[in-house]
Structures are given as C-alpha cells and as structure tokens.
C-alpha cells in the first residue's frame, strides 16, 4: 500500500499522534504441531477467538526489522 509511519502523523493535531510500537502478545496456543515435508515447514495450531495467526508467526520468525517484514 506504500504507507509509512509518517503517514499517520497528524500535523493539525500532533498531540494525538503516537509513534506506535509492538506489544508483547499474550495468547494461548493449543495443539501446536509442526512437520517438515521436503522444503516446506507445515504448522498446525489452534488459537482462541480474538487471536491472530500473523502475530504468532511473527513471534516464531522473529524478523530483524518487523516493520519491514510485512506483518
């Protein structure tokens, strides 16, 4: 989408603009399993309602710069 952090800064009301950050995810992951099939890593898990798989995957992959990782 071509968005950057500065796109969320409001010049008109700078006091409501915050830099943003990542927060520590608190989620219960159940039935976590993995397997390796040829060159593919297959993950299987269950997350409760309101949890996001992308957050779990980000934590598992731990990219050097999560802002550039596309999550």
PDB file of N, CA and C in Angstrom:
ATOM      1  N   UNK A   1       0.810  -1.192   0.000  1.00  0.00           N
ATOM      2  CA  UNK A   1       0.000   0.000   0.000  1.00  0.00           C
ATOM      3  C   UNK A   1       0.855   1.257   0.000  1.00  0.00           C
ATOM      4  N   UNK A   2       2.130   1.130   0.260  1.00  0.00           N
ATOM      5  CA  UNK A   2       3.016   2.282   0.218  1.00  0.00           C
ATOM      6  C   UNK A   2       2.907   3.201   1.429  1.00  0.00           C
ATOM      7  N   UNK A   3       2.346   2.711   2.528  1.00  0.00           N
ATOM      8  CA  UNK A   3       2.208   3.542   3.725  1.00  0.00           C
ATOM      9  C   UNK A   3       3.490   3.536   4.543  1.00  0.00           C
ATOM     10  N   UNK A   4       3.732   4.631   5.210  1.00  0.00           N
ATOM     11  CA  UNK A   4       4.867   4.759   6.112  1.00  0.00           C
ATOM     12  C   UNK A   4       4.353   5.282   7.449  1.00  0.00           C
ATOM     13  N   UNK A   5       5.187   5.169   8.485  1.00  0.00           N
ATOM     14  CA  UNK A   5       4.773   5.642   9.807  1.00  0.00           C
ATOM     15  C   UNK A   5       4.379   7.110   9.794  1.00  0.00           C
ATOM     16  N   UNK A   6       5.096   7.902   9.026  1.00  0.00           N
ATOM     17  CA  UNK A   6       4.816   9.341   8.992  1.00  0.00           C
ATOM     18  C   UNK A   6       3.437   9.654   8.409  1.00  0.00           C
ATOM     19  N   UNK A   7       2.848   8.717   7.662  1.00  0.00           N
ATOM     20  CA  UNK A   7       1.514   8.929   7.101  1.00  0.00           C
ATOM     21  C   UNK A   7       0.434   8.998   8.181  1.00  0.00           C
ATOM     22  N   UNK A   8       0.754   8.508   9.367  1.00  0.00           N
ATOM     23  CA  UNK A   8      -0.218   8.502  10.457  1.00  0.00           C
ATOM     24  C   UNK A   8      -0.031   9.681  11.416  1.00  0.00           C
ATOM     25  N   UNK A   9       0.909  10.551  11.111  1.00  0.00           N
ATOM     26  CA  UNK A   9       1.136  11.743  11.914  1.00  0.00           C
ATOM     27  C   UNK A   9       0.186  12.840  11.444  1.00  0.00           C
ATOM     28  N   UNK A  10      -0.536  13.426  12.367  1.00  0.00           N
ATOM     29  CA  UNK A  10      -1.496  14.477  12.023  1.00  0.00           C
ATOM     30  C   UNK A  10      -0.903  15.838  12.383  1.00  0.00           C
ATOM     31  N   UNK A  11      -0.537  16.614  11.379  1.00  0.00           N
ATOM     32  CA  UNK A  11       0.045  17.934  11.619  1.00  0.00           C
ATOM     33  C   UNK A  11      -0.924  18.842  12.373  1.00  0.00           C
ATOM     34  N   UNK A  12      -2.209  18.694  12.056  1.00  0.00           N
ATOM     35  CA  UNK A  12      -3.226  19.556  12.659  1.00  0.00           C
ATOM     36  C   UNK A  12      -3.399  19.285  14.159  1.00  0.00           C
ATOM     37  N   UNK A  13      -3.227  18.041  14.580  1.00  0.00           N
ATOM     38  CA  UNK A  13      -3.395  17.663  15.999  1.00  0.00           C
ATOM     39  C   UNK A  13      -2.238  16.737  16.408  1.00  0.00           C
ATOM     40  N   UNK A  14      -1.027  17.266  16.521  1.00  0.00           N
ATOM     41  CA  UNK A  14       0.129  16.408  16.811  1.00  0.00           C
ATOM     42  C   UNK A  14       0.058  15.720  18.175  1.00  0.00           C
ATOM     43  N   UNK A  15      -0.703  16.284  19.098  1.00  0.00           N
ATOM     44  CA  UNK A  15      -0.768  15.678  20.438  1.00  0.00           C
ATOM     45  C   UNK A  15      -1.468  14.324  20.463  1.00  0.00           C
ATOM     46  N   UNK A  16      -2.232  14.000  19.409  1.00  0.00           N
ATOM     47  CA  UNK A  16      -2.865  12.676  19.386  1.00  0.00           C
ATOM     48  C   UNK A  16      -2.073  11.673  18.552  1.00  0.00           C
ATOM     49  N   UNK A  17      -0.997  12.109  17.936  1.00  0.00           N
ATOM     50  CA  UNK A  17      -0.161  11.211  17.142  1.00  0.00           C
ATOM     51  C   UNK A  17       0.842  10.521  18.058  1.00  0.00           C
ATOM     52  N   UNK A  18       0.913   9.205  17.939  1.00  0.00           N
ATOM     53  CA  UNK A  18       1.849   8.419  18.734  1.00  0.00           C
ATOM     54  C   UNK A  18       2.783   7.658  17.809  1.00  0.00           C
ATOM     55  N   UNK A  19       4.005   7.379  18.271  1.00  0.00           N
ATOM     56  CA  UNK A  19       4.948   6.693  17.396  1.00  0.00           C
ATOM     57  C   UNK A  19       4.573   5.237  17.122  1.00  0.00           C
ATOM     58  N   UNK A  20       3.812   4.610  17.981  1.00  0.00           N
ATOM     59  CA  UNK A  20       3.445   3.207  17.789  1.00  0.00           C
ATOM     60  C   UNK A  20       4.556   2.287  18.265  1.00  0.00           C
ATOM     61  N   UNK A  21       4.214   1.047  18.475  1.00  0.00           N
ATOM     62  CA  UNK A  21       5.184   0.080  18.967  1.00  0.00           C
ATOM     63  C   UNK A  21       4.563  -1.303  18.857  1.00  0.00           C
ATOM     64  N   UNK A  22       5.370  -2.320  19.040  1.00  0.00           N
ATOM     65  CA  UNK A  22       4.863  -3.674  19.125  1.00  0.00           C
ATOM     66  C   UNK A  22       4.635  -3.996  20.582  1.00  0.00           C
ATOM     67  N   UNK A  23       3.589  -4.726  20.861  1.00  0.00           N
ATOM     68  CA  UNK A  23       3.340  -5.131  22.243  1.00  0.00           C
ATOM     69  C   UNK A  23       3.556  -6.633  22.356  1.00  0.00           C
ATOM     70  N   UNK A  24       3.820  -7.071  23.553  1.00  0.00           N
ATOM     71  CA  UNK A  24       4.038  -8.492  23.798  1.00  0.00           C
ATOM     72  C   UNK A  24       2.703  -9.216  23.644  1.00  0.00           C
ATOM     73  N   UNK A  25       2.664 -10.196  22.748  1.00  0.00           N
ATOM     74  CA  UNK A  25       1.399 -10.918  22.572  1.00  0.00           C
ATOM     75  C   UNK A  25       1.154 -11.875  23.727  1.00  0.00           C
ATOM     76  N   UNK A  26      -0.059 -11.883  24.210  1.00  0.00           N
ATOM     77  CA  UNK A  26      -0.457 -12.825  25.244  1.00  0.00           C
ATOM     78  C   UNK A  26      -1.569 -13.661  24.635  1.00  0.00           C
ATOM     79  N   UNK A  27      -1.223 -14.890  24.287  1.00  0.00           N
ATOM     80  CA  UNK A  27      -2.227 -15.761  23.686  1.00  0.00           C
ATOM     81  C   UNK A  27      -1.926 -17.200  24.073  1.00  0.00           C
ATOM     82  N   UNK A  28      -2.960 -17.951  24.172  1.00  0.00           N
ATOM     83  CA  UNK A  28      -2.835 -19.364  24.489  1.00  0.00           C
ATOM     84  C   UNK A  28      -2.860 -20.139  23.174  1.00  0.00           C
ATOM     85  N   UNK A  29      -1.750 -20.784  22.856  1.00  0.00           N
ATOM     86  CA  UNK A  29      -1.646 -21.580  21.631  1.00  0.00           C
ATOM     87  C   UNK A  29      -1.877 -23.037  22.023  1.00  0.00           C
ATOM     88  N   UNK A  30      -2.842 -23.661  21.393  1.00  0.00           N
ATOM     89  CA  UNK A  30      -3.159 -25.057  21.699  1.00  0.00           C
ATOM     90  C   UNK A  30      -2.881 -25.938  20.492  1.00  0.00           C
ATOM     91  N   UNK A  31      -2.629 -27.192  20.756  1.00  0.00           N
ATOM     92  CA  UNK A  31      -2.438 -28.210  19.715  1.00  0.00           C
ATOM     93  C   UNK A  31      -1.397 -27.797  18.677  1.00  0.00           C
ATOM     94  N   UNK A  32      -0.286 -27.247  19.145  1.00  0.00           N
ATOM     95  CA  UNK A  32       0.771 -26.812  18.223  1.00  0.00           C
ATOM     96  C   UNK A  32       1.541 -28.032  17.729  1.00  0.00           C
ATOM     97  N   UNK A  33       1.604 -28.195  16.422  1.00  0.00           N
ATOM     98  CA  UNK A  33       2.354 -29.282  15.794  1.00  0.00           C
ATOM     99  C   UNK A  33       3.084 -28.729  14.578  1.00  0.00           C
ATOM    100  N   UNK A  34       4.172 -29.382  14.238  1.00  0.00           N
ATOM    101  CA  UNK A  34       4.894 -28.992  13.034  1.00  0.00           C
ATOM    102  C   UNK A  34       5.461 -30.235  12.358  1.00  0.00           C
ATOM    103  N   UNK A  35       5.691 -30.116  11.080  1.00  0.00           N
ATOM    104  CA  UNK A  35       6.338 -31.190  10.328  1.00  0.00           C
ATOM    105  C   UNK A  35       7.104 -30.567   9.178  1.00  0.00           C
ATOM    106  N   UNK A  36       8.066 -31.302   8.694  1.00  0.00           N
ATOM    107  CA  UNK A  36       8.860 -30.849   7.562  1.00  0.00           C
ATOM    108  C   UNK A  36       8.572 -31.785   6.401  1.00  0.00           C
ATOM    109  N   UNK A  37       8.049 -31.229   5.320  1.00  0.00           N
ATOM    110  CA  UNK A  37       7.734 -32.004   4.126  1.00  0.00           C
ATOM    111  C   UNK A  37       8.528 -31.424   2.970  1.00  0.00           C
ATOM    112  N   UNK A  38       9.559 -32.156   2.573  1.00  0.00           N
ATOM    113  CA  UNK A  38      10.524 -31.693   1.570  1.00  0.00           C
ATOM    114  C   UNK A  38      11.119 -30.377   2.067  1.00  0.00           C
ATOM    115  N   UNK A  39      10.896 -29.274   1.382  1.00  0.00           N
ATOM    116  CA  UNK A  39      11.458 -27.985   1.802  1.00  0.00           C
ATOM    117  C   UNK A  39      10.431 -27.111   2.511  1.00  0.00           C
ATOM    118  N   UNK A  40       9.284 -27.681   2.870  1.00  0.00           N
ATOM    119  CA  UNK A  40       8.211 -26.887   3.476  1.00  0.00           C
ATOM    120  C   UNK A  40       8.051 -27.218   4.960  1.00  0.00           C
ATOM    121  N   UNK A  41       7.929 -26.187   5.763  1.00  0.00           N
ATOM    122  CA  UNK A  41       7.601 -26.346   7.167  1.00  0.00           C
ATOM    123  C   UNK A  41       6.090 -26.206   7.296  1.00  0.00           C
ATOM    124  N   UNK A  42       5.435 -27.225   7.814  1.00  0.00           N
ATOM    125  CA  UNK A  42       3.984 -27.230   7.967  1.00  0.00           C
ATOM    126  C   UNK A  42       3.666 -27.018   9.447  1.00  0.00           C
ATOM    127  N   UNK A  43       2.911 -25.967   9.744  1.00  0.00           N
ATOM    128  CA  UNK A  43       2.500 -25.660  11.111  1.00  0.00           C
ATOM    129  C   UNK A  43       1.009 -25.903  11.269  1.00  0.00           C
ATOM    130  N   UNK A  44       0.644 -26.393  12.436  1.00  0.00           N
ATOM    131  CA  UNK A  44      -0.753 -26.595  12.763  1.00  0.00           C
ATOM    132  C   UNK A  44      -0.952 -26.171  14.216  1.00  0.00           C
ATOM    133  N   UNK A  45      -1.974 -25.348  14.464  1.00  0.00           N
ATOM    134  CA  UNK A  45      -2.216 -24.880  15.827  1.00  0.00           C
ATOM    135  C   UNK A  45      -3.631 -24.331  15.920  1.00  0.00           C
ATOM    136  N   UNK A  46      -4.070 -24.142  17.144  1.00  0.00           N
ATOM    137  CA  UNK A  46      -5.380 -23.558  17.411  1.00  0.00           C
ATOM    138  C   UNK A  46      -5.189 -22.336  18.287  1.00  0.00           C
ATOM    139  N   UNK A  47      -5.843 -21.236  17.905  1.00  0.00           N
ATOM    140  CA  UNK A  47      -5.810 -20.008  18.696  1.00  0.00           C
ATOM    141  C   UNK A  47      -7.232 -19.660  19.113  1.00  0.00           C
ATOM    142  N   UNK A  48      -7.387 -19.117  20.305  1.00  0.00           N
ATOM    143  CA  UNK A  48      -8.728 -18.715  20.735  1.00  0.00           C
ATOM    144  C   UNK A  48      -9.235 -17.512  19.949  1.00  0.00           C
ATOM    145  N   UNK A  49     -10.520 -17.300  20.023  1.00  0.00           N
ATOM    146  CA  UNK A  49     -11.158 -16.162  19.362  1.00  0.00           C
ATOM    147  C   UNK A  49     -10.451 -14.864  19.770  1.00  0.00           C
ATOM    148  N   UNK A  50     -10.197 -14.009  18.802  1.00  0.00           N
ATOM    149  CA  UNK A  50      -9.545 -12.727  19.075  1.00  0.00           C
ATOM    150  C   UNK A  50      -8.035 -12.764  18.925  1.00  0.00           C
ATOM    151  N   UNK A  51      -7.461 -13.939  18.695  1.00  0.00           N
ATOM    152  CA  UNK A  51      -6.023 -14.061  18.485  1.00  0.00           C
ATOM    153  C   UNK A  51      -5.750 -14.133  16.984  1.00  0.00           C
ATOM    154  N   UNK A  52      -4.581 -13.690  16.591  1.00  0.00           N
ATOM    155  CA  UNK A  52      -4.244 -13.638  15.174  1.00  0.00           C
ATOM    156  C   UNK A  52      -3.026 -14.510  14.876  1.00  0.00           C
ATOM    157  N   UNK A  53      -3.142 -15.352  13.867  1.00  0.00           N
ATOM    158  CA  UNK A  53      -2.048 -16.235  13.477  1.00  0.00           C
ATOM    159  C   UNK A  53      -0.826 -15.434  13.026  1.00  0.00           C
ATOM    160  N   UNK A  54      -1.042 -14.275  12.413  1.00  0.00           N
ATOM    161  CA  UNK A  54       0.096 -13.469  11.956  1.00  0.00           C
ATOM    162  C   UNK A  54       0.970 -13.019  13.127  1.00  0.00           C
ATOM    163  N   UNK A  55       0.365 -12.775  14.280  1.00  0.00           N
ATOM    164  CA  UNK A  55       1.134 -12.382  15.464  1.00  0.00           C
ATOM    165  C   UNK A  55       1.984 -13.555  15.931  1.00  0.00           C
ATOM    166  N   UNK A  56       1.402 -14.744  15.968  1.00  0.00           N
ATOM    167  CA  UNK A  56       2.160 -15.936  16.358  1.00  0.00           C
ATOM    168  C   UNK A  56       3.305 -16.181  15.386  1.00  0.00           C
ATOM    169  N   UNK A  57       3.039 -16.085  14.097  1.00  0.00           N
ATOM    170  CA  UNK A  57       4.077 -16.316  13.099  1.00  0.00           C
ATOM    171  C   UNK A  57       5.192 -15.281  13.205  1.00  0.00           C
ATOM    172  N   UNK A  58       4.849 -14.042  13.472  1.00  0.00           N
ATOM    173  CA  UNK A  58       5.877 -13.012  13.654  1.00  0.00           C
ATOM    174  C   UNK A  58       6.786 -13.367  14.825  1.00  0.00           C
ATOM    175  N   UNK A  59       6.198 -13.852  15.901  1.00  0.00           N
ATOM    176  CA  UNK A  59       6.993 -14.230  17.069  1.00  0.00           C
ATOM    177  C   UNK A  59       7.870 -15.442  16.783  1.00  0.00           C
ATOM    178  N   UNK A  60       7.381 -16.368  15.992  1.00  0.00           N
ATOM    179  CA  UNK A  60       8.174 -17.553  15.652  1.00  0.00           C
ATOM    180  C   UNK A  60       9.327 -17.213  14.714  1.00  0.00           C
ATOM    181  N   UNK A  61       9.078 -16.330  13.768  1.00  0.00           N
ATOM    182  CA  UNK A  61      10.095 -15.996  12.770  1.00  0.00           C
ATOM    183  C   UNK A  61      11.073 -14.946  13.274  1.00  0.00           C
ATOM    184  N   UNK A  62      10.652 -14.085  14.174  1.00  0.00           N
ATOM    185  CA  UNK A  62      11.473 -13.016  14.747  1.00  0.00           C
ATOM    186  C   UNK A  62      12.309 -12.286  13.688  1.00  0.00           C
ATOM    187  N   UNK A  63      11.648 -11.570  12.787  1.00  0.00           N
ATOM    188  CA  UNK A  63      12.411 -10.829  11.780  1.00  0.00           C
ATOM    189  C   UNK A  63      13.277  -9.751  12.441  1.00  0.00           C
ATOM    190  N   UNK A  64      14.383  -9.439  11.814  1.00  0.00           N
ATOM    191  CA  UNK A  64      15.279  -8.419  12.366  1.00  0.00           C
ATOM    192  C   UNK A  64      14.573  -7.074  12.477  1.00  0.00           C
ATOM    193  N   UNK A  65      13.811  -6.706  11.447  1.00  0.00           N
ATOM    194  CA  UNK A  65      13.049  -5.465  11.467  1.00  0.00           C
ATOM    195  C   UNK A  65      11.582  -5.795  11.159  1.00  0.00           C
ATOM    196  N   UNK A  66      10.736  -5.966  12.194  1.00  0.00           N
ATOM    197  CA  UNK A  66       9.370  -6.385  11.966  1.00  0.00           C
ATOM    198  C   UNK A  66       8.550  -5.397  11.134  1.00  0.00           C
ATOM    199  N   UNK A  67       8.952  -4.128  11.093  1.00  0.00           N
ATOM    200  CA  UNK A  67       8.216  -3.160  10.269  1.00  0.00           C
ATOM    201  C   UNK A  67       8.400  -3.442   8.788  1.00  0.00           C
ATOM    202  N   UNK A  68       9.543  -4.012   8.433  1.00  0.00           N
ATOM    203  CA  UNK A  68       9.826  -4.304   7.024  1.00  0.00           C
ATOM    204  C   UNK A  68       9.415  -5.712   6.627  1.00  0.00           C
ATOM    205  N   UNK A  69       8.999  -6.523   7.610  1.00  0.00           N
ATOM    206  CA  UNK A  69       8.671  -7.926   7.338  1.00  0.00           C
ATOM    207  C   UNK A  69       7.289  -8.088   6.729  1.00  0.00           C
ATOM    208  N   UNK A  70       6.473  -7.049   6.724  1.00  0.00           N
ATOM    209  CA  UNK A  70       5.176  -7.132   6.081  1.00  0.00           C
ATOM    210  C   UNK A  70       4.048  -7.611   6.976  1.00  0.00           C
ATOM    211  N   UNK A  71       4.270  -7.652   8.282  1.00  0.00           N
ATOM    212  CA  UNK A  71       3.195  -8.066   9.195  1.00  0.00           C
ATOM    213  C   UNK A  71       2.419  -6.855   9.644  1.00  0.00           C
TER     214      UNK A  71
END
